[in-house]
């Protein structure tokens, strides 16, 4: 299915394009979801109040320490679905 073509000018099949696009989208979601979670947490801190997170790195550490990997991948399922759907 994903083997190289015999012809050098051959184009990938529709199935190959869908599979490769889906894998690319899933991989992107896997690596970007923790940073989206951190971005959302940093943006929702109330200005002027005591900050829960001082930086992106500090937020990653605190979320991982208190909530584990599950906390960093809170929104992975919707992101994975959308990235797979739109990338393929």
Protein backbone atom coordinates (compact mmCIF):
# COMPACT_ATOMS: atom_id res chain seq x y z
CA UNK A 1 0.00 0.00 0.00
CA UNK A 2 2.72 2.52 0.91
CA UNK A 3 5.47 0.93 -1.15
CA UNK A 4 7.33 3.10 -3.65
CA UNK A 5 6.01 3.19 -7.20
CA UNK A 6 7.79 1.62 -10.12
CA UNK A 7 7.38 4.81 -12.15
CA UNK A 8 9.26 7.89 -10.97
CA UNK A 9 6.51 10.22 -12.26
CA UNK A 10 3.68 8.34 -10.53
CA UNK A 11 1.49 10.25 -8.09
CA UNK A 12 0.41 8.81 -4.74
CA UNK A 13 -2.99 7.18 -4.67
CA UNK A 14 -5.91 8.76 -2.84
CA UNK A 15 -5.59 6.19 -0.06
CA UNK A 16 -1.87 6.90 0.35
CA UNK A 17 -2.59 10.64 0.52
CA UNK A 18 -5.32 10.14 3.14
CA UNK A 19 -3.16 7.85 5.28
CA UNK A 20 -0.09 10.09 5.12
CA UNK A 21 -2.13 13.22 5.81
CA UNK A 22 -3.88 11.56 8.75
CA UNK A 23 -0.57 10.39 10.22
CA UNK A 24 0.96 13.84 9.80
CA UNK A 25 -2.02 15.51 11.48
CA UNK A 26 -2.01 13.02 14.36
CA UNK A 27 1.72 13.51 14.91
CA UNK A 28 1.32 17.28 14.90
CA UNK A 29 -1.49 17.07 17.47
CA UNK A 30 0.60 14.75 19.64
CA UNK A 31 3.44 17.26 19.89
CA UNK A 32 1.46 20.52 20.04
CA UNK A 33 -1.35 19.60 22.47
CA UNK A 34 0.72 20.09 25.68
CA UNK A 35 1.69 23.58 24.48
CA UNK A 36 -1.94 24.41 23.67
CA UNK A 37 -2.92 23.37 27.20
CA UNK A 38 -0.16 25.57 28.67
CA UNK A 39 -1.14 28.51 26.42
CA UNK A 40 -4.75 28.25 27.55
CA UNK A 41 -3.79 28.06 31.22
CA UNK A 42 -1.47 31.07 30.91
CA UNK A 43 -4.10 33.10 29.05
CA UNK A 44 -6.81 32.39 31.62
CA UNK A 45 -4.80 33.54 34.62
CA UNK A 46 -6.43 36.59 36.18
CA UNK A 47 -4.19 39.67 35.77
CA UNK A 48 -3.11 41.20 39.05
CA UNK A 49 -3.73 38.04 41.03
CA UNK A 50 -1.07 35.67 42.25
CA UNK A 51 0.16 33.84 39.15
CA UNK A 52 -0.08 30.08 39.23
CA UNK A 53 2.45 29.76 36.40
CA UNK A 54 5.47 32.02 35.79
CA UNK A 55 6.48 30.75 32.34
CA UNK A 56 5.76 28.09 29.75
CA UNK A 57 8.44 25.83 31.19
CA UNK A 58 7.13 26.33 34.74
CA UNK A 59 3.58 25.56 33.58
CA UNK A 60 4.72 22.36 31.84
CA UNK A 61 6.51 21.26 35.02
CA UNK A 62 3.62 22.07 37.35
CA UNK A 63 0.94 20.45 35.20
CA UNK A 64 3.06 17.32 34.74
CA UNK A 65 3.84 17.16 38.47
CA UNK A 66 0.27 17.68 39.73
CA UNK A 67 -1.83 16.18 36.93
CA UNK A 68 0.56 13.89 35.08
CA UNK A 69 0.56 13.30 31.33
CA UNK A 70 -3.22 13.22 31.39
CA UNK A 71 -3.21 16.89 32.37
CA UNK A 72 -0.91 17.83 29.48
CA UNK A 73 -3.07 15.92 26.98
CA UNK A 74 -6.43 17.14 28.26
CA UNK A 75 -7.59 18.27 24.80
CA UNK A 76 -5.78 15.63 22.74
CA UNK A 77 -8.88 13.77 21.51
CA UNK A 78 -10.57 16.79 19.87
CA UNK A 79 -7.24 18.05 18.51
CA UNK A 80 -6.38 14.61 17.17
CA UNK A 81 -9.75 14.26 15.46
CA UNK A 82 -9.59 17.70 13.84
CA UNK A 83 -5.95 17.40 12.78
CA UNK A 84 -6.52 13.98 11.25
CA UNK A 85 -9.65 15.10 9.48
CA UNK A 86 -8.23 18.32 8.05
CA UNK A 87 -4.74 17.05 7.23
CA UNK A 88 -5.98 14.18 5.11
